[in-house]
Amino acid sequence: LLNNAADASPEQVDVALFWDTKTVELSIRDYGEGIAQEQQETLGKPFHSEKPSGMGLGLFLTQASINRYGGEVTISPAEGRGTLTRVILPLMDELIIGKES
C-alpha cells in the first residue's frame, strides 16, 4: 500500500495511525491523480493492474490478508486530489504467545 502511494505521489505521502480500545487504523494518503471511476470497479481484483509491469496481485493479497484477521481495506478519492487508503484491524483481546490460531 505504501509503495502504491509512493508510485502515485513520489513527492508526498501522508501516513497516520489511529486507535481506540477496539481497533487500529492506518491511513495512507497520496496526492497523485487519483483513481478513475472505471478503475474503481476492478480495484483489488486479481490479475488486474494499471501499472505496465504490474501483476495485479498486490492489493488483492493485501485485502485477503487483512480480511482474514477481521479487518478491512477501503480505498477512496481523497479530498482535493489523490487517494485515501484506510486499513482497519480489530485489536486482540489479549496477547497469546506460543499458541496457534
PDB file of N, CA and C in Angstrom:
ATOM      1  N   LEU A   1       0.820  -1.190   0.000  1.00  0.00           N
ATOM      2  CA  LEU A   1       0.000   0.000   0.000  1.00  0.00           C
ATOM      3  C   LEU A   1       0.864   1.254   0.000  1.00  0.00           C
ATOM      4  N   LEU A   2       1.924   1.217   0.786  1.00  0.00           N
ATOM      5  CA  LEU A   2       2.831   2.370   0.813  1.00  0.00           C
ATOM      6  C   LEU A   2       3.554   2.535  -0.518  1.00  0.00           C
ATOM      7  N   ASN A   3       3.955   1.430  -1.129  1.00  0.00           N
ATOM      8  CA  ASN A   3       4.610   1.511  -2.436  1.00  0.00           C
ATOM      9  C   ASN A   3       3.661   2.070  -3.489  1.00  0.00           C
ATOM     10  N   ASN A   4       2.405   1.632  -3.465  1.00  0.00           N
ATOM     11  CA  ASN A   4       1.421   2.162  -4.413  1.00  0.00           C
ATOM     12  C   ASN A   4       1.269   3.669  -4.235  1.00  0.00           C
ATOM     13  N   ALA A   5       1.181   4.116  -2.998  1.00  0.00           N
ATOM     14  CA  ALA A   5       1.042   5.547  -2.729  1.00  0.00           C
ATOM     15  C   ALA A   5       2.278   6.312  -3.200  1.00  0.00           C
ATOM     16  N   ALA A   6       3.459   5.762  -2.931  1.00  0.00           N
ATOM     17  CA  ALA A   6       4.701   6.424  -3.351  1.00  0.00           C
ATOM     18  C   ALA A   6       4.829   6.454  -4.869  1.00  0.00           C
ATOM     19  N   ASP A   7       4.373   5.403  -5.544  1.00  0.00           N
ATOM     20  CA  ASP A   7       4.386   5.401  -7.010  1.00  0.00           C
ATOM     21  C   ASP A   7       3.472   6.493  -7.562  1.00  0.00           C
ATOM     22  N   ALA A   8       2.314   6.673  -6.938  1.00  0.00           N
ATOM     23  CA  ALA A   8       1.342   7.661  -7.409  1.00  0.00           C
ATOM     24  C   ALA A   8       1.749   9.084  -7.049  1.00  0.00           C
ATOM     25  N   SER A   9       2.498   9.223  -5.963  1.00  0.00           N
ATOM     26  CA  SER A   9       2.795  10.555  -5.434  1.00  0.00           C
ATOM     27  C   SER A   9       4.192  10.583  -4.818  1.00  0.00           C
ATOM     28  N   PRO A  10       5.245  10.527  -5.654  1.00  0.00           N
ATOM     29  CA  PRO A  10       6.601  10.453  -5.104  1.00  0.00           C
ATOM     30  C   PRO A  10       6.993  11.656  -4.248  1.00  0.00           C
ATOM     31  N   GLU A  11       6.345  12.798  -4.461  1.00  0.00           N
ATOM     32  CA  GLU A  11       6.725  13.997  -3.716  1.00  0.00           C
ATOM     33  C   GLU A  11       6.157  14.042  -2.304  1.00  0.00           C
ATOM     34  N   GLN A  12       5.009  13.382  -2.063  1.00  0.00           N
ATOM     35  CA  GLN A  12       4.427  13.431  -0.716  1.00  0.00           C
ATOM     36  C   GLN A  12       3.414  12.312  -0.510  1.00  0.00           C
ATOM     37  N   VAL A  13       3.552  11.638   0.615  1.00  0.00           N
ATOM     38  CA  VAL A  13       2.578  10.653   1.090  1.00  0.00           C
ATOM     39  C   VAL A  13       2.412  10.908   2.583  1.00  0.00           C
ATOM     40  N   ASP A  14       1.177  11.012   3.036  1.00  0.00           N
ATOM     41  CA  ASP A  14       0.902  11.199   4.463  1.00  0.00           C
ATOM     42  C   ASP A  14       0.458   9.871   5.056  1.00  0.00           C
ATOM     43  N   VAL A  15       1.040   9.513   6.192  1.00  0.00           N
ATOM     44  CA  VAL A  15       0.692   8.272   6.886  1.00  0.00           C
ATOM     45  C   VAL A  15       0.290   8.636   8.310  1.00  0.00           C
ATOM     46  N   ALA A  16      -0.828   8.076   8.757  1.00  0.00           N
ATOM     47  CA  ALA A  16      -1.299   8.340  10.120  1.00  0.00           C
ATOM     48  C   ALA A  16      -1.797   7.041  10.734  1.00  0.00           C
ATOM     49  N   LEU A  17      -1.675   6.952  12.040  1.00  0.00           N
ATOM     50  CA  LEU A  17      -2.136   5.780  12.779  1.00  0.00           C
ATOM     51  C   LEU A  17      -3.066   6.259  13.887  1.00  0.00           C
ATOM     52  N   PHE A  18      -4.247   5.647  13.941  1.00  0.00           N
ATOM     53  CA  PHE A  18      -5.241   5.974  14.964  1.00  0.00           C
ATOM     54  C   PHE A  18      -5.652   4.684  15.651  1.00  0.00           C
ATOM     55  N   TRP A  19      -6.023   4.758  16.916  1.00  0.00           N
ATOM     56  CA  TRP A  19      -6.510   3.569  17.598  1.00  0.00           C
ATOM     57  C   TRP A  19      -7.448   3.957  18.720  1.00  0.00           C
ATOM     58  N   ASP A  20      -8.246   2.978  19.099  1.00  0.00           N
ATOM     59  CA  ASP A  20      -9.079   3.108  20.287  1.00  0.00           C
ATOM     60  C   ASP A  20      -9.037   1.753  20.989  1.00  0.00           C
ATOM     61  N   THR A  21      -9.983   1.466  21.834  1.00  0.00           N
ATOM     62  CA  THR A  21      -9.930   0.220  22.609  1.00  0.00           C
ATOM     63  C   THR A  21     -10.265  -1.014  21.781  1.00  0.00           C
ATOM     64  N   LYS A  22     -10.826  -0.834  20.597  1.00  0.00           N
ATOM     65  CA  LYS A  22     -11.245  -1.985  19.796  1.00  0.00           C
ATOM     66  C   LYS A  22     -10.531  -2.136  18.459  1.00  0.00           C
ATOM     67  N   THR A  23     -10.079  -1.043  17.867  1.00  0.00           N
ATOM     68  CA  THR A  23      -9.487  -1.112  16.531  1.00  0.00           C
ATOM     69  C   THR A  23      -8.246  -0.236  16.411  1.00  0.00           C
ATOM     70  N   VAL A  24      -7.470  -0.539  15.380  1.00  0.00           N
ATOM     71  CA  VAL A  24      -6.354   0.307  14.973  1.00  0.00           C
ATOM     72  C   VAL A  24      -6.569   0.613  13.490  1.00  0.00           C
ATOM     73  N   GLU A  25      -6.299   1.860  13.105  1.00  0.00           N
ATOM     74  CA  GLU A  25      -6.495   2.279  11.721  1.00  0.00           C
ATOM     75  C   GLU A  25      -5.222   2.914  11.186  1.00  0.00           C
ATOM     76  N   LEU A  26      -4.778   2.427  10.039  1.00  0.00           N
ATOM     77  CA  LEU A  26      -3.659   3.004   9.309  1.00  0.00           C
ATOM     78  C   LEU A  26      -4.239   3.735   8.109  1.00  0.00           C
ATOM     79  N   SER A  27      -3.953   5.020   7.994  1.00  0.00           N
ATOM     80  CA  SER A  27      -4.420   5.818   6.862  1.00  0.00           C
ATOM     81  C   SER A  27      -3.222   6.237   6.028  1.00  0.00           C
ATOM     82  N   ILE A  28      -3.344   6.033   4.725  1.00  0.00           N
ATOM     83  CA  ILE A  28      -2.286   6.394   3.781  1.00  0.00           C
ATOM     84  C   ILE A  28      -2.921   7.297   2.731  1.00  0.00           C
ATOM     85  N   ARG A  29      -2.413   8.507   2.613  1.00  0.00           N
ATOM     86  CA  ARG A  29      -2.991   9.451   1.666  1.00  0.00           C
ATOM     87  C   ARG A  29      -1.917   9.902   0.686  1.00  0.00           C
ATOM     88  N   ASP A  30      -2.198   9.730  -0.606  1.00  0.00           N
ATOM     89  CA  ASP A  30      -1.269  10.229  -1.612  1.00  0.00           C
ATOM     90  C   ASP A  30      -1.895  11.427  -2.320  1.00  0.00           C
ATOM     91  N   TYR A  31      -1.080  12.107  -3.104  1.00  0.00           N
ATOM     92  CA  TYR A  31      -1.519  13.308  -3.808  1.00  0.00           C
ATOM     93  C   TYR A  31      -1.375  13.132  -5.316  1.00  0.00           C
ATOM     94  N   GLY A  32      -1.531  11.898  -5.765  1.00  0.00           N
ATOM     95  CA  GLY A  32      -1.433  11.588  -7.185  1.00  0.00           C
ATOM     96  C   GLY A  32      -2.700  11.961  -7.934  1.00  0.00           C
ATOM     97  N   GLU A  33      -2.864  11.361  -9.098  1.00  0.00           N
ATOM     98  CA  GLU A  33      -4.007  11.665  -9.966  1.00  0.00           C
ATOM     99  C   GLU A  33      -5.308  11.083  -9.449  1.00  0.00           C
ATOM    100  N   GLY A  34      -5.233  10.185  -8.496  1.00  0.00           N
ATOM    101  CA  GLY A  34      -6.448   9.541  -8.001  1.00  0.00           C
ATOM    102  C   GLY A  34      -6.791   8.322  -8.839  1.00  0.00           C
ATOM    103  N   ILE A  35      -7.923   7.731  -8.543  1.00  0.00           N
ATOM    104  CA  ILE A  35      -8.354   6.516  -9.227  1.00  0.00           C
ATOM    105  C   ILE A  35      -9.586   6.852 -10.051  1.00  0.00           C
ATOM    106  N   ALA A  36      -9.502   6.602 -11.354  1.00  0.00           N
ATOM    107  CA  ALA A  36     -10.625   6.881 -12.247  1.00  0.00           C
ATOM    108  C   ALA A  36     -11.818   5.994 -11.887  1.00  0.00           C
ATOM    109  N   GLN A  37     -13.017   6.476 -12.163  1.00  0.00           N
ATOM    110  CA  GLN A  37     -14.244   5.751 -11.838  1.00  0.00           C
ATOM    111  C   GLN A  37     -14.233   4.335 -12.412  1.00  0.00           C
ATOM    112  N   GLU A  38     -13.803   4.187 -13.661  1.00  0.00           N
ATOM    113  CA  GLU A  38     -13.791   2.850 -14.284  1.00  0.00           C
ATOM    114  C   GLU A  38     -12.767   1.924 -13.630  1.00  0.00           C
ATOM    115  N   GLN A  39     -11.700   2.475 -13.072  1.00  0.00           N
ATOM    116  CA  GLN A  39     -10.707   1.669 -12.366  1.00  0.00           C
ATOM    117  C   GLN A  39     -11.222   1.216 -11.007  1.00  0.00           C
ATOM    118  N   GLN A  40     -12.090   1.998 -10.381  1.00  0.00           N
ATOM    119  CA  GLN A  40     -12.599   1.660  -9.057  1.00  0.00           C
ATOM    120  C   GLN A  40     -13.383   0.355  -9.077  1.00  0.00           C
ATOM    121  N   GLU A  41     -14.012   0.040 -10.200  1.00  0.00           N
ATOM    122  CA  GLU A  41     -14.803  -1.184 -10.302  1.00  0.00           C
ATOM    123  C   GLU A  41     -13.933  -2.438 -10.289  1.00  0.00           C
ATOM    124  N   THR A  42     -12.706  -2.338 -10.755  1.00  0.00           N
ATOM    125  CA  THR A  42     -11.819  -3.506 -10.820  1.00  0.00           C
ATOM    126  C   THR A  42     -10.739  -3.480  -9.744  1.00  0.00           C
ATOM    127  N   LEU A  43     -10.758  -2.471  -8.905  1.00  0.00           N
ATOM    128  CA  LEU A  43      -9.752  -2.317  -7.861  1.00  0.00           C
ATOM    129  C   LEU A  43      -9.756  -3.511  -6.910  1.00  0.00           C
ATOM    130  N   GLY A  44      -8.600  -4.113  -6.717  1.00  0.00           N
ATOM    131  CA  GLY A  44      -8.481  -5.242  -5.797  1.00  0.00           C
ATOM    132  C   GLY A  44      -8.807  -6.590  -6.401  1.00  0.00           C
ATOM    133  N   LYS A  45      -9.194  -6.619  -7.660  1.00  0.00           N
ATOM    134  CA  LYS A  45      -9.469  -7.897  -8.317  1.00  0.00           C
ATOM    135  C   LYS A  45      -8.145  -8.486  -8.794  1.00  0.00           C
ATOM    136  N   PRO A  46      -7.990  -9.808  -8.698  1.00  0.00           N
ATOM    137  CA  PRO A  46      -6.708 -10.409  -9.079  1.00  0.00           C
ATOM    138  C   PRO A  46      -6.422 -10.262 -10.573  1.00  0.00           C
ATOM    139  N   PHE A  47      -5.147 -10.123 -10.864  1.00  0.00           N
ATOM    140  CA  PHE A  47      -4.608 -10.067 -12.220  1.00  0.00           C
ATOM    141  C   PHE A  47      -5.085  -8.861 -13.016  1.00  0.00           C
ATOM    142  N   HIS A  48      -5.450  -7.793 -12.324  1.00  0.00           N
ATOM    143  CA  HIS A  48      -5.812  -6.549 -12.997  1.00  0.00           C
ATOM    144  C   HIS A  48      -4.933  -5.440 -12.432  1.00  0.00           C
ATOM    145  N   SER A  49      -4.148  -4.829 -13.302  1.00  0.00           N
ATOM    146  CA  SER A  49      -3.249  -3.765 -12.863  1.00  0.00           C
ATOM    147  C   SER A  49      -3.245  -2.640 -13.882  1.00  0.00           C
ATOM    148  N   GLU A  50      -3.133  -1.431 -13.401  1.00  0.00           N
ATOM    149  CA  GLU A  50      -2.986  -0.265 -14.269  1.00  0.00           C
ATOM    150  C   GLU A  50      -1.512   0.052 -14.513  1.00  0.00           C
ATOM    151  N   LYS A  51      -0.620  -0.644 -13.809  1.00  0.00           N
ATOM    152  CA  LYS A  51       0.812  -0.422 -13.969  1.00  0.00           C
ATOM    153  C   LYS A  51       1.322  -1.293 -15.114  1.00  0.00           C
ATOM    154  N   PRO A  52       2.179  -0.749 -15.963  1.00  0.00           N
ATOM    155  CA  PRO A  52       2.693  -1.528 -17.096  1.00  0.00           C
ATOM    156  C   PRO A  52       3.382  -2.830 -16.678  1.00  0.00           C
ATOM    157  N   SER A  53       4.092  -2.812 -15.566  1.00  0.00           N
ATOM    158  CA  SER A  53       4.798  -4.020 -15.130  1.00  0.00           C
ATOM    159  C   SER A  53       4.092  -4.701 -13.958  1.00  0.00           C
ATOM    160  N   GLY A  54       2.867  -4.279 -13.652  1.00  0.00           N
ATOM    161  CA  GLY A  54       2.149  -4.838 -12.505  1.00  0.00           C
ATOM    162  C   GLY A  54       1.536  -6.194 -12.795  1.00  0.00           C
ATOM    163  N   MET A  55       1.491  -7.040 -11.768  1.00  0.00           N
ATOM    164  CA  MET A  55       0.868  -8.361 -11.903  1.00  0.00           C
ATOM    165  C   MET A  55      -0.582  -8.353 -11.428  1.00  0.00           C
ATOM    166  N   GLY A  56      -0.987  -7.309 -10.726  1.00  0.00           N
ATOM    167  CA  GLY A  56      -2.362  -7.228 -10.270  1.00  0.00           C
ATOM    168  C   GLY A  56      -2.656  -8.100  -9.068  1.00  0.00           C
ATOM    169  N   LEU A  57      -1.653  -8.344  -8.241  1.00  0.00           N
ATOM    170  CA  LEU A  57      -1.865  -9.187  -7.063  1.00  0.00           C
ATOM    171  C   LEU A  57      -1.637  -8.461  -5.742  1.00  0.00           C
ATOM    172  N   GLY A  58      -0.955  -7.345  -5.749  1.00  0.00           N
ATOM    173  CA  GLY A  58      -0.600  -6.661  -4.504  1.00  0.00           C
ATOM    174  C   GLY A  58      -1.797  -6.284  -3.658  1.00  0.00           C
ATOM    175  N   LEU A  59      -2.719  -5.535  -4.218  1.00  0.00           N
ATOM    176  CA  LEU A  59      -3.894  -5.106  -3.464  1.00  0.00           C
ATOM    177  C   LEU A  59      -4.806  -6.290  -3.146  1.00  0.00           C
ATOM    178  N   PHE A  60      -4.929  -7.212  -4.079  1.00  0.00           N
ATOM    179  CA  PHE A  60      -5.742  -8.411  -3.850  1.00  0.00           C
ATOM    180  C   PHE A  60      -5.230  -9.192  -2.641  1.00  0.00           C
ATOM    181  N   LEU A  61      -3.926  -9.440  -2.586  1.00  0.00           N
ATOM    182  CA  LEU A  61      -3.348 -10.196  -1.468  1.00  0.00           C
ATOM    183  C   LEU A  61      -3.409  -9.405  -0.161  1.00  0.00           C
ATOM    184  N   THR A  62      -3.215  -8.103  -0.244  1.00  0.00           N
ATOM    185  CA  THR A  62      -3.325  -7.266   0.954  1.00  0.00           C
ATOM    186  C   THR A  62      -4.728  -7.346   1.535  1.00  0.00           C
ATOM    187  N   GLN A  63      -5.738  -7.183   0.690  1.00  0.00           N
ATOM    188  CA  GLN A  63      -7.122  -7.253   1.158  1.00  0.00           C
ATOM    189  C   GLN A  63      -7.437  -8.623   1.744  1.00  0.00           C
ATOM    190  N   ALA A  64      -6.978  -9.682   1.094  1.00  0.00           N
ATOM    191  CA  ALA A  64      -7.240 -11.037   1.594  1.00  0.00           C
ATOM    192  C   ALA A  64      -6.613 -11.237   2.973  1.00  0.00           C
ATOM    193  N   SER A  65      -5.394 -10.765   3.154  1.00  0.00           N
ATOM    194  CA  SER A  65      -4.711 -10.917   4.445  1.00  0.00           C
ATOM    195  C   SER A  65      -5.403 -10.118   5.541  1.00  0.00           C
ATOM    196  N   ILE A  66      -5.742  -8.885   5.260  1.00  0.00           N
ATOM    197  CA  ILE A  66      -6.405  -8.034   6.251  1.00  0.00           C
ATOM    198  C   ILE A  66      -7.783  -8.601   6.596  1.00  0.00           C
ATOM    199  N   ASN A  67      -8.536  -9.026   5.591  1.00  0.00           N
ATOM    200  CA  ASN A  67      -9.867  -9.603   5.826  1.00  0.00           C
ATOM    201  C   ASN A  67      -9.791 -10.872   6.662  1.00  0.00           C
ATOM    202  N   ARG A  68      -8.751 -11.648   6.462  1.00  0.00           N
ATOM    203  CA  ARG A  68      -8.588 -12.900   7.211  1.00  0.00           C
ATOM    204  C   ARG A  68      -8.524 -12.650   8.718  1.00  0.00           C
ATOM    205  N   TYR A  69      -8.018 -11.506   9.101  1.00  0.00           N
ATOM    206  CA  TYR A  69      -7.892 -11.171  10.515  1.00  0.00           C
ATOM    207  C   TYR A  69      -9.009 -10.238  10.997  1.00  0.00           C
ATOM    208  N   GLY A  70     -10.097 -10.209  10.251  1.00  0.00           N
ATOM    209  CA  GLY A  70     -11.261  -9.443  10.676  1.00  0.00           C
ATOM    210  C   GLY A  70     -11.199  -7.964  10.373  1.00  0.00           C
ATOM    211  N   GLY A  71     -10.275  -7.577   9.520  1.00  0.00           N
ATOM    212  CA  GLY A  71     -10.124  -6.166   9.189  1.00  0.00           C
ATOM    213  C   GLY A  71     -10.699  -5.830   7.835  1.00  0.00           C
ATOM    214  N   GLU A  72     -10.464  -4.610   7.420  1.00  0.00           N
ATOM    215  CA  GLU A  72     -10.936  -4.178   6.109  1.00  0.00           C
ATOM    216  C   GLU A  72      -9.986  -3.141   5.524  1.00  0.00           C
ATOM    217  N   VAL A  73      -9.970  -3.093   4.204  1.00  0.00           N
ATOM    218  CA  VAL A  73      -9.204  -2.094   3.465  1.00  0.00           C
ATOM    219  C   VAL A  73     -10.204  -1.292   2.645  1.00  0.00           C
ATOM    220  N   THR A  74     -10.161   0.023   2.770  1.00  0.00           N
ATOM    221  CA  THR A  74     -11.008   0.869   1.935  1.00  0.00           C
ATOM    222  C   THR A  74     -10.123   1.836   1.165  1.00  0.00           C
ATOM    223  N   ILE A  75     -10.493   2.063  -0.075  1.00  0.00           N
ATOM    224  CA  ILE A  75      -9.753   2.980  -0.936  1.00  0.00           C
ATOM    225  C   ILE A  75     -10.767   3.936  -1.539  1.00  0.00           C
ATOM    226  N   SER A  76     -10.529   5.223  -1.356  1.00  0.00           N
ATOM    227  CA  SER A  76     -11.489   6.213  -1.841  1.00  0.00           C
ATOM    228  C   SER A  76     -10.748   7.459  -2.314  1.00  0.00           C
ATOM    229  N   PRO A  77     -11.423   8.270  -3.131  1.00  0.00           N
ATOM    230  CA  PRO A  77     -10.801   9.530  -3.541  1.00  0.00           C
ATOM    231  C   PRO A  77     -10.556  10.412  -2.319  1.00  0.00           C
ATOM    232  N   ALA A  78      -9.399  11.035  -2.282  1.00  0.00           N
ATOM    233  CA  ALA A  78      -9.083  11.966  -1.195  1.00  0.00           C
ATOM    234  C   ALA A  78      -9.672  13.332  -1.531  1.00  0.00           C
ATOM    235  N   GLU A  79      -9.936  14.104  -0.511  1.00  0.00           N
ATOM    236  CA  GLU A  79     -10.469  15.445  -0.731  1.00  0.00           C
ATOM    237  C   GLU A  79      -9.446  16.270  -1.501  1.00  0.00           C
ATOM    238  N   GLY A  80      -9.880  16.888  -2.557  1.00  0.00           N
ATOM    239  CA  GLY A  80      -8.990  17.692  -3.384  1.00  0.00           C
ATOM    240  C   GLY A  80      -8.365  16.880  -4.499  1.00  0.00           C
ATOM    241  N   ARG A  81      -7.406  16.054  -4.159  1.00  0.00           N
ATOM    242  CA  ARG A  81      -6.693  15.270  -5.166  1.00  0.00           C
ATOM    243  C   ARG A  81      -6.051  14.079  -4.487  1.00  0.00           C
ATOM    244  N   GLY A  82      -5.900  12.976  -5.208  1.00  0.00           N
ATOM    245  CA  GLY A  82      -5.207  11.821  -4.668  1.00  0.00           C
ATOM    246  C   GLY A  82      -6.146  10.742  -4.170  1.00  0.00           C
ATOM    247  N   THR A  83      -5.577   9.856  -3.372  1.00  0.00           N
ATOM    248  CA  THR A  83      -6.302   8.681  -2.887  1.00  0.00           C
ATOM    249  C   THR A  83      -6.058   8.516  -1.396  1.00  0.00           C
ATOM    250  N   LEU A  84      -7.101   8.097  -0.692  1.00  0.00           N
ATOM    251  CA  LEU A  84      -7.010   7.788   0.726  1.00  0.00           C
ATOM    252  C   LEU A  84      -7.251   6.298   0.901  1.00  0.00           C
ATOM    253  N   THR A  85      -6.263   5.605   1.453  1.00  0.00           N
ATOM    254  CA  THR A  85      -6.375   4.179   1.741  1.00  0.00           C
ATOM    255  C   THR A  85      -6.409   4.008   3.245  1.00  0.00           C
ATOM    256  N   ARG A  86      -7.390   3.251   3.722  1.00  0.00           N
ATOM    257  CA  ARG A  86      -7.526   3.010   5.164  1.00  0.00           C
ATOM    258  C   ARG A  86      -7.503   1.509   5.418  1.00  0.00           C
ATOM    259  N   VAL A  87      -6.688   1.105   6.374  1.00  0.00           N
ATOM    260  CA  VAL A  87      -6.645  -0.282   6.839  1.00  0.00           C
ATOM    261  C   VAL A  87      -7.125  -0.265   8.282  1.00  0.00           C
ATOM    262  N   ILE A  88      -8.192  -0.997   8.559  1.00  0.00           N
ATOM    263  CA  ILE A  88      -8.745  -1.057   9.911  1.00  0.00           C
ATOM    264  C   ILE A  88      -8.681  -2.501  10.382  1.00  0.00           C
ATOM    265  N   LEU A  89      -8.065  -2.704  11.541  1.00  0.00           N
ATOM    266  CA  LEU A  89      -7.925  -4.038  12.127  1.00  0.00           C
ATOM    267  C   LEU A  89      -8.450  -4.038  13.555  1.00  0.00           C
ATOM    268  N   PRO A  90      -9.111  -5.136  13.948  1.00  0.00           N
ATOM    269  CA  PRO A  90      -9.525  -5.236  15.345  1.00  0.00           C
ATOM    270  C   PRO A  90      -8.310  -5.509  16.221  1.00  0.00           C
ATOM    271  N   LEU A  91      -8.321  -4.975  17.429  1.00  0.00           N
ATOM    272  CA  LEU A  91      -7.263  -5.275  18.385  1.00  0.00           C
ATOM    273  C   LEU A  91      -7.557  -6.612  19.052  1.00  0.00           C
ATOM    274  N   MET A  92      -6.516  -7.298  19.453  1.00  0.00           N
ATOM    275  CA  MET A  92      -6.683  -8.574  20.151  1.00  0.00           C
ATOM    276  C   MET A  92      -7.163  -8.314  21.567  1.00  0.00           C
ATOM    277  N   ASP A  93      -7.971  -9.241  22.090  1.00  0.00           N
ATOM    278  CA  ASP A  93      -8.424  -9.123  23.474  1.00  0.00           C
ATOM    279  C   ASP A  93      -7.273  -9.312  24.449  1.00  0.00           C
ATOM    280  N   GLU A  94      -6.376 -10.233  24.097  1.00  0.00           N
ATOM    281  CA  GLU A  94      -5.216 -10.481  24.946  1.00  0.00           C
ATOM    282  C   GLU A  94      -4.092 -11.017  24.070  1.00  0.00           C
ATOM    283  N   LEU A  95      -2.897 -10.856  24.511  1.00  0.00           N
ATOM    284  CA  LEU A  95      -1.745 -11.344  23.773  1.00  0.00           C
ATOM    285  C   LEU A  95      -1.581 -12.829  24.029  1.00  0.00           C
ATOM    286  N   ILE A  96      -1.553 -13.596  22.950  1.00  0.00           N
ATOM    287  CA  ILE A  96      -1.400 -15.045  23.062  1.00  0.00           C
ATOM    288  C   ILE A  96      -0.044 -15.397  22.463  1.00  0.00           C
ATOM    289  N   ILE A  97       0.840 -15.915  23.285  1.00  0.00           N
ATOM    290  CA  ILE A  97       2.178 -16.270  22.831  1.00  0.00           C
ATOM    291  C   ILE A  97       2.310 -17.785  22.846  1.00  0.00           C
ATOM    292  N   GLY A  98       2.788 -18.321  21.720  1.00  0.00           N
ATOM    293  CA  GLY A  98       3.041 -19.756  21.651  1.00  0.00           C
ATOM    294  C   GLY A  98       1.818 -20.597  21.324  1.00  0.00           C
ATOM    295  N   LYS A  99       0.696 -19.985  20.997  1.00  0.00           N
ATOM    296  CA  LYS A  99      -0.497 -20.729  20.607  1.00  0.00           C
ATOM    297  C   LYS A  99      -0.777 -20.465  19.140  1.00  0.00           C
ATOM    298  N   GLU A 100      -1.217 -21.499  18.451  1.00  0.00           N
ATOM    299  CA  GLU A 100      -1.589 -21.343  17.054  1.00  0.00           C
ATOM    300  C   GLU A 100      -3.034 -20.886  16.984  1.00  0.00           C
ATOM    301  N   SER A 101      -3.333 -20.043  15.997  1.00  0.00           N
ATOM    302  CA  SER A 101      -4.716 -19.594  15.839  1.00  0.00           C
ATOM    303  C   SER A 101      -5.420 -20.411  14.784  1.00  0.00           C
TER     304      SER A 101
END
